[in-house]
C-alpha atoms as a PDB file:
ATOM      1  CA  MET A   1     -11.950  53.856  89.757  1.00  0.00           C
ATOM      2  CA  GLN A   2     -14.339  55.794  91.938  1.00  0.00           C
ATOM      3  CA  LYS A   3     -13.324  59.108  93.504  1.00  0.00           C
ATOM      4  CA  GLU A   4     -13.760  57.712  97.019  1.00  0.00           C
ATOM      5  CA  ASP A   5     -11.301  54.913  96.200  1.00  0.00           C
ATOM      6  CA  ILE A   6      -8.674  57.378  95.021  1.00  0.00           C
ATOM      7  CA  MET A   7      -9.080  59.366  98.232  1.00  0.00           C
ATOM      8  CA  ARG A   8      -7.833  56.321 100.161  1.00  0.00           C
ATOM      9  CA  LEU A   9      -5.047  55.428  97.748  1.00  0.00           C
ATOM     10  CA  MET A  10      -1.917  54.116  99.395  1.00  0.00           C
ATOM     11  CA  LEU A  11       1.382  53.559  97.642  1.00  0.00           C
ATOM     12  CA  SER A  12       2.710  50.017  97.410  1.00  0.00           C
ATOM     13  CA  LYS A  13       5.841  48.191  96.288  1.00  0.00           C
ATOM     14  CA  TYR A  14       4.233  47.765  92.866  1.00  0.00           C
ATOM     15  CA  ASP A  15       4.158  51.518  92.137  1.00  0.00           C
ATOM     16  CA  ALA A  16       6.512  53.750  90.163  1.00  0.00           C
ATOM     17  CA  LEU A  17       6.598  57.468  89.382  1.00  0.00           C
ATOM     18  CA  ILE A  18       7.356  58.706  85.862  1.00  0.00           C
ATOM     19  CA  VAL A  19       8.360  62.364  85.487  1.00  0.00           C
ATOM     20  CA  VAL A  20       7.958  63.343  81.845  1.00  0.00           C
ATOM     21  CA  ASP A  21      10.333  65.800  80.128  1.00  0.00           C
ATOM     22  CA  VAL A  22      10.703  68.484  82.800  1.00  0.00           C
ATOM     23  CA  GLN A  23      13.575  70.048  80.858  1.00  0.00           C
ATOM     24  CA  LYS A  24      14.754  73.633  80.638  1.00  0.00           C
ATOM     25  CA  ASP A  25      13.689  74.066  77.001  1.00  0.00           C
ATOM     26  CA  PHE A  26      10.097  73.230  77.961  1.00  0.00           C
ATOM     27  CA  CYS A  27      10.023  75.727  80.832  1.00  0.00           C
ATOM     28  CA  PRO A  28       9.740  79.550  80.699  1.00  0.00           C
ATOM     29  CA  GLY A  29      12.779  80.952  78.912  1.00  0.00           C
ATOM     30  CA  GLY A  30      13.320  77.760  76.928  1.00  0.00           C
ATOM     31  CA  SER A  31      13.124  77.360  73.152  1.00  0.00           C
ATOM     32  CA  LEU A  32       9.796  75.489  73.320  1.00  0.00           C
ATOM     33  CA  ALA A  33       8.381  76.773  76.578  1.00  0.00           C
ATOM     34  CA  VAL A  34       5.131  75.469  78.016  1.00  0.00           C
ATOM     35  CA  SER A  35       3.164  78.268  79.642  1.00  0.00           C
ATOM     36  CA  GLU A  36       3.774  78.014  83.405  1.00  0.00           C
ATOM     37  CA  GLY A  37       5.630  74.764  82.778  1.00  0.00           C
ATOM     38  CA  ASP A  38       7.874  75.397  85.761  1.00  0.00           C
ATOM     39  CA  ARG A  39       4.858  75.265  88.069  1.00  0.00           C
ATOM     40  CA  VAL A  40       4.879  71.483  87.884  1.00  0.00           C
ATOM     41  CA  VAL A  41       8.301  71.366  89.566  1.00  0.00           C
ATOM     42  CA  PRO A  42       7.356  71.947  93.238  1.00  0.00           C
ATOM     43  CA  VAL A  43       4.389  69.580  92.938  1.00  0.00           C
ATOM     44  CA  LEU A  44       6.483  66.883  91.290  1.00  0.00           C
ATOM     45  CA  ASN A  45       9.018  67.298  94.064  1.00  0.00           C
ATOM     46  CA  ARG A  46       6.281  66.407  96.545  1.00  0.00           C
ATOM     47  CA  TYR A  47       5.492  63.261  94.575  1.00  0.00           C
ATOM     48  CA  ILE A  48       9.196  62.418  94.395  1.00  0.00           C
ATOM     49  CA  GLU A  49       9.437  62.853  98.164  1.00  0.00           C
ATOM     50  CA  LYS A  50       6.477  60.540  98.800  1.00  0.00           C
ATOM     51  CA  PHE A  51       7.899  57.873  96.531  1.00  0.00           C
ATOM     52  CA  GLY A  52      11.294  58.281  98.155  1.00  0.00           C
ATOM     53  CA  LEU A  53       9.876  57.840 101.652  1.00  0.00           C
ATOM     54  CA  ASN A  54       8.404  54.542 100.475  1.00  0.00           C
ATOM     55  CA  THR A  55      11.614  53.517  98.651  1.00  0.00           C
ATOM     56  CA  LEU A  56       9.745  53.322  95.363  1.00  0.00           C
ATOM     57  CA  PRO A  57      11.310  53.785  91.914  1.00  0.00           C
ATOM     58  CA  VAL A  58      11.309  57.114  90.109  1.00  0.00           C
ATOM     59  CA  PHE A  59      11.931  57.468  86.380  1.00  0.00           C
ATOM     60  CA  ALA A  60      12.488  60.670  84.399  1.00  0.00           C
ATOM     61  CA  THR A  61      12.074  60.811  80.638  1.00  0.00           C
ATOM     62  CA  ARG A  62      13.809  63.392  78.493  1.00  0.00           C
ATOM     63  CA  ASP A  63      13.963  64.438  74.865  1.00  0.00           C
ATOM     64  CA  TRP A  64      17.555  63.865  73.823  1.00  0.00           C
ATOM     65  CA  HIS A  65      17.594  64.994  70.209  1.00  0.00           C
ATOM     66  CA  PRO A  66      20.384  65.121  67.658  1.00  0.00           C
ATOM     67  CA  GLU A  67      20.839  68.544  66.029  1.00  0.00           C
ATOM     68  CA  ASN A  68      19.103  67.353  62.848  1.00  0.00           C
ATOM     69  CA  HIS A  69      16.066  65.750  64.439  1.00  0.00           C
ATOM     70  CA  ILE A  70      12.979  65.141  62.320  1.00  0.00           C
ATOM     71  CA  SER A  71      10.749  67.095  64.725  1.00  0.00           C
ATOM     72  CA  PHE A  72      12.573  70.363  64.004  1.00  0.00           C
ATOM     73  CA  LYS A  73      11.121  72.718  61.392  1.00  0.00           C
ATOM     74  CA  ALA A  74      14.324  72.723  59.331  1.00  0.00           C
ATOM     75  CA  TYR A  75      13.967  68.947  58.887  1.00  0.00           C
ATOM     76  CA  GLY A  76      10.243  68.760  58.196  1.00  0.00           C
ATOM     77  CA  GLY A  77       8.871  68.887  61.729  1.00  0.00           C
ATOM     78  CA  ILE A  78       6.626  71.394  63.477  1.00  0.00           C
ATOM     79  CA  TRP A  79       8.857  72.458  66.379  1.00  0.00           C
ATOM     80  CA  PRO A  80      11.797  74.816  66.804  1.00  0.00           C
ATOM     81  CA  PRO A  81      15.049  73.115  67.833  1.00  0.00           C
ATOM     82  CA  HIS A  82      14.783  71.980  71.444  1.00  0.00           C
ATOM     83  CA  CYS A  83      16.391  69.589  73.918  1.00  0.00           C
ATOM     84  CA  VAL A  84      19.413  68.919  71.730  1.00  0.00           C
ATOM     85  CA  LYS A  85      21.507  66.375  73.624  1.00  0.00           C
ATOM     86  CA  GLU A  86      24.306  67.713  75.822  1.00  0.00           C
ATOM     87  CA  THR A  87      23.002  71.302  75.586  1.00  0.00           C
ATOM     88  CA  ASP A  88      21.832  73.450  78.469  1.00  0.00           C
ATOM     89  CA  GLY A  89      18.234  73.364  77.234  1.00  0.00           C
ATOM     90  CA  ALA A  90      18.163  69.580  77.427  1.00  0.00           C
ATOM     91  CA  LYS A  91      18.997  69.587  81.140  1.00  0.00           C
ATOM     92  CA  PHE A  92      16.292  68.907  83.688  1.00  0.00           C
ATOM     93  CA  HIS A  93      14.824  71.976  85.386  1.00  0.00           C
ATOM     94  CA  PRO A  94      17.316  72.970  88.091  1.00  0.00           C
ATOM     95  CA  GLY A  95      14.620  72.930  90.768  1.00  0.00           C
ATOM     96  CA  LEU A  96      13.571  69.349  90.054  1.00  0.00           C
ATOM     97  CA  ARG A  97      14.845  67.175  92.893  1.00  0.00           C
ATOM     98  CA  LEU A  98      15.353  63.833  91.200  1.00  0.00           C
ATOM     99  CA  PRO A  99      16.961  61.201  93.419  1.00  0.00           C
ATOM    100  CA  ASP A 100      20.377  59.848  92.450  1.00  0.00           C
ATOM    101  CA  SER A 101      18.682  56.498  91.910  1.00  0.00           C
ATOM    102  CA  ALA A 102      16.233  57.848  89.300  1.00  0.00           C
ATOM    103  CA  GLY A 103      16.149  55.961  86.021  1.00  0.00           C
ATOM    104  CA  ILE A 104      16.830  58.389  83.163  1.00  0.00           C
ATOM    105  CA  ILE A 105      15.009  57.495  79.950  1.00  0.00           C
ATOM    106  CA  SER A 106      16.306  59.260  76.817  1.00  0.00           C
ATOM    107  CA  LYS A 107      13.959  59.271  73.830  1.00  0.00           C
ATOM    108  CA  ALA A 108      13.878  60.520  70.237  1.00  0.00           C
ATOM    109  CA  THR A 109      17.642  60.068  70.069  1.00  0.00           C
ATOM    110  CA  THR A 110      18.033  59.385  66.338  1.00  0.00           C
ATOM    111  CA  PRO A 111      17.512  61.848  63.470  1.00  0.00           C
ATOM    112  CA  ARG A 112      14.624  60.191  61.645  1.00  0.00           C
ATOM    113  CA  LYS A 113      12.479  58.892  64.516  1.00  0.00           C
ATOM    114  CA  GLU A 114      10.099  60.921  66.655  1.00  0.00           C
ATOM    115  CA  ALA A 115       9.065  59.682  70.084  1.00  0.00           C
ATOM    116  CA  TYR A 116       6.495  61.483  72.182  1.00  0.00           C
ATOM    117  CA  SER A 117       6.110  58.521  74.529  1.00  0.00           C
ATOM    118  CA  GLY A 118       8.650  57.499  77.141  1.00  0.00           C
ATOM    119  CA  PHE A 119       8.045  53.912  76.024  1.00  0.00           C
ATOM    120  CA  GLN A 120       8.802  54.479  72.350  1.00  0.00           C
ATOM    121  CA  GLY A 121      12.223  53.180  71.369  1.00  0.00           C
ATOM    122  CA  THR A 122      13.338  52.837  75.007  1.00  0.00           C
ATOM    123  CA  LYS A 123      13.723  50.069  77.585  1.00  0.00           C
ATOM    124  CA  LEU A 124      11.251  51.623  80.000  1.00  0.00           C
ATOM    125  CA  LYS A 125       8.668  48.820  79.738  1.00  0.00           C
ATOM    126  CA  SER A 126      11.191  46.050  80.375  1.00  0.00           C
ATOM    127  CA  MET A 127      12.712  48.012  83.275  1.00  0.00           C
ATOM    128  CA  LEU A 128       9.290  48.352  84.906  1.00  0.00           C
ATOM    129  CA  GLN A 129       8.464  44.702  84.332  1.00  0.00           C
ATOM    130  CA  ARG A 130      11.762  43.639  85.866  1.00  0.00           C
ATOM    131  CA  LEU A 131      10.802  45.612  88.984  1.00  0.00           C
ATOM    132  CA  ARG A 132       7.339  43.979  88.936  1.00  0.00           C
ATOM    133  CA  ILE A 133       5.658  47.362  88.738  1.00  0.00           C
ATOM    134  CA  LYS A 134       1.908  47.283  88.221  1.00  0.00           C
ATOM    135  CA  ARG A 135       0.829  50.913  88.755  1.00  0.00           C
ATOM    136  CA  LEU A 136       2.308  54.053  87.209  1.00  0.00           C
ATOM    137  CA  PHE A 137       1.916  57.656  88.309  1.00  0.00           C
ATOM    138  CA  ILE A 138       2.697  59.967  85.386  1.00  0.00           C
ATOM    139  CA  GLY A 139       3.036  63.753  85.135  1.00  0.00           C
ATOM    140  CA  GLY A 140       5.193  66.486  83.659  1.00  0.00           C
ATOM    141  CA  LEU A 141       5.406  68.223  80.282  1.00  0.00           C
ATOM    142  CA  ALA A 142       3.539  68.484  78.101  1.00  0.00           C
ATOM    143  CA  THR A 143       0.019  67.236  78.846  1.00  0.00           C
ATOM    144  CA  ASP A 144      -1.071  67.190  75.204  1.00  0.00           C
ATOM    145  CA  TYR A 145       2.031  65.518  73.779  1.00  0.00           C
ATOM    146  CA  CYS A 146       4.578  63.536  75.771  1.00  0.00           C
ATOM    147  CA  VAL A 147       2.488  63.068  78.917  1.00  0.00           C
ATOM    148  CA  LYS A 148      -0.502  61.945  76.865  1.00  0.00           C
ATOM    149  CA  ASN A 149       1.461  59.509  74.734  1.00  0.00           C
ATOM    150  CA  THR A 150       3.327  58.075  77.714  1.00  0.00           C
ATOM    151  CA  VAL A 151       0.047  57.547  79.582  1.00  0.00           C
ATOM    152  CA  LEU A 152      -1.623  55.892  76.584  1.00  0.00           C
ATOM    153  CA  ASP A 153       1.344  53.582  76.017  1.00  0.00           C
ATOM    154  CA  ALA A 154       1.362  52.701  79.721  1.00  0.00           C
ATOM    155  CA  LEU A 155      -2.274  51.677  79.445  1.00  0.00           C
ATOM    156  CA  ARG A 156      -1.591  49.649  76.294  1.00  0.00           C
ATOM    157  CA  ALA A 157       1.211  47.870  78.146  1.00  0.00           C
ATOM    158  CA  GLY A 158      -1.246  46.808  80.851  1.00  0.00           C
ATOM    159  CA  PHE A 159      -0.247  49.141  83.687  1.00  0.00           C
ATOM    160  CA  THR A 160      -2.833  50.702  85.972  1.00  0.00           C
ATOM    161  CA  THR A 161      -2.131  54.339  85.235  1.00  0.00           C
ATOM    162  CA  PHE A 162      -2.685  57.546  87.164  1.00  0.00           C
ATOM    163  CA  LEU A 163      -2.403  60.989  85.554  1.00  0.00           C
ATOM    164  CA  LEU A 164      -1.001  63.599  87.928  1.00  0.00           C
ATOM    165  CA  MET A 165      -3.591  66.319  87.378  1.00  0.00           C
ATOM    166  CA  ASP A 166      -1.764  68.846  89.529  1.00  0.00           C
ATOM    167  CA  ALA A 167       1.674  68.190  88.044  1.00  0.00           C
ATOM    168  CA  SER A 168       1.127  68.413  84.283  1.00  0.00           C
ATOM    169  CA  ARG A 169       0.957  71.380  81.896  1.00  0.00           C
ATOM    170  CA  GLY A 170       0.219  71.522  78.170  1.00  0.00           C
ATOM    171  CA  VAL A 171       1.497  73.327  75.091  1.00  0.00           C
ATOM    172  CA  ASP A 172      -1.981  74.022  73.663  1.00  0.00           C
ATOM    173  CA  VAL A 173      -0.817  74.676  70.097  1.00  0.00           C
ATOM    174  CA  ASN A 174      -4.538  74.755  69.425  1.00  0.00           C
ATOM    175  CA  PRO A 175      -6.756  76.087  72.226  1.00  0.00           C
ATOM    176  CA  GLY A 176      -8.222  73.224  74.210  1.00  0.00           C
ATOM    177  CA  ASP A 177      -5.607  70.618  73.201  1.00  0.00           C
ATOM    178  CA  SER A 178      -4.686  69.884  76.808  1.00  0.00           C
ATOM    179  CA  GLU A 179      -8.300  69.497  77.885  1.00  0.00           C
ATOM    180  CA  LYS A 180      -8.928  67.110  74.989  1.00  0.00           C
ATOM    181  CA  ALA A 181      -5.788  65.155  75.889  1.00  0.00           C
ATOM    182  CA  ILE A 182      -6.949  64.777  79.483  1.00  0.00           C
ATOM    183  CA  GLU A 183     -10.378  63.601  78.312  1.00  0.00           C
ATOM    184  CA  GLN A 184      -8.710  61.056  76.017  1.00  0.00           C
ATOM    185  CA  MET A 185      -6.438  59.706  78.754  1.00  0.00           C
ATOM    186  CA  LEU A 186      -9.265  59.379  81.263  1.00  0.00           C
ATOM    187  CA  SER A 187     -11.702  57.843  78.792  1.00  0.00           C
ATOM    188  CA  THR A 188      -9.033  55.319  77.748  1.00  0.00           C
ATOM    189  CA  GLY A 189      -8.622  54.112  81.314  1.00  0.00           C
ATOM    190  CA  ALA A 190      -6.303  56.420  83.231  1.00  0.00           C
ATOM    191  CA  SER A 191      -7.414  57.832  86.581  1.00  0.00           C
ATOM    192  CA  GLY A 192      -6.792  61.455  87.500  1.00  0.00           C
ATOM    193  CA  ILE A 193      -5.172  62.046  90.870  1.00  0.00           C
ATOM    194  CA  THR A 194      -3.598  64.846  92.916  1.00  0.00           C
ATOM    195  CA  ILE A 195      -0.894  64.781  95.561  1.00  0.00           C
ATOM    196  CA  ASP A 196      -3.319  65.199  98.442  1.00  0.00           C
ATOM    197  CA  GLU A 197      -5.212  62.061  97.388  1.00  0.00           C
ATOM    198  CA  ILE A 198      -2.243  59.831  98.146  1.00  0.00           C
ATOM    199  CA  ILE A 199      -1.906  58.674 101.734  1.00  0.00           C
END
């Protein structure tokens, strides 16, 4: 999609917003904090408002891990414990203004299965298909893990997919991981967009 086309982009009844893992543990002060992760919150709220004004669906994914999840270092993973279900760290950032109607998608809910994508092991795809959604707008945390994998799975599922460039932040375990993730998403077929490019 050409830049001039994105500049004229209007939302339609076939669009949905997916907010990825904007949870307290991934924000400053959390057990697996993304640098400046909380900065996505006010921008995402603007997207949520635009979708709300058009009565369009909003979904929010979340890690919802058991205490013995495979991603944790004690159980062979690479991460410290984070987003353990029913804990304070697993809650959405308190400033995130999700509508009451938002679809909450819990992932990585069993001990031996990892899930970086909001589509993996969830009913997200079937929910979107039931709503006849064709285009997805995806942002949140973290660019180089859960955002990337959700975007790539959205593309594989046949959705036209937009990456919210101004509402995503990365972990960058290795310097440049987020930049590489963005390049991969865009080269695979996603289009980058910012809030001011939506009419």
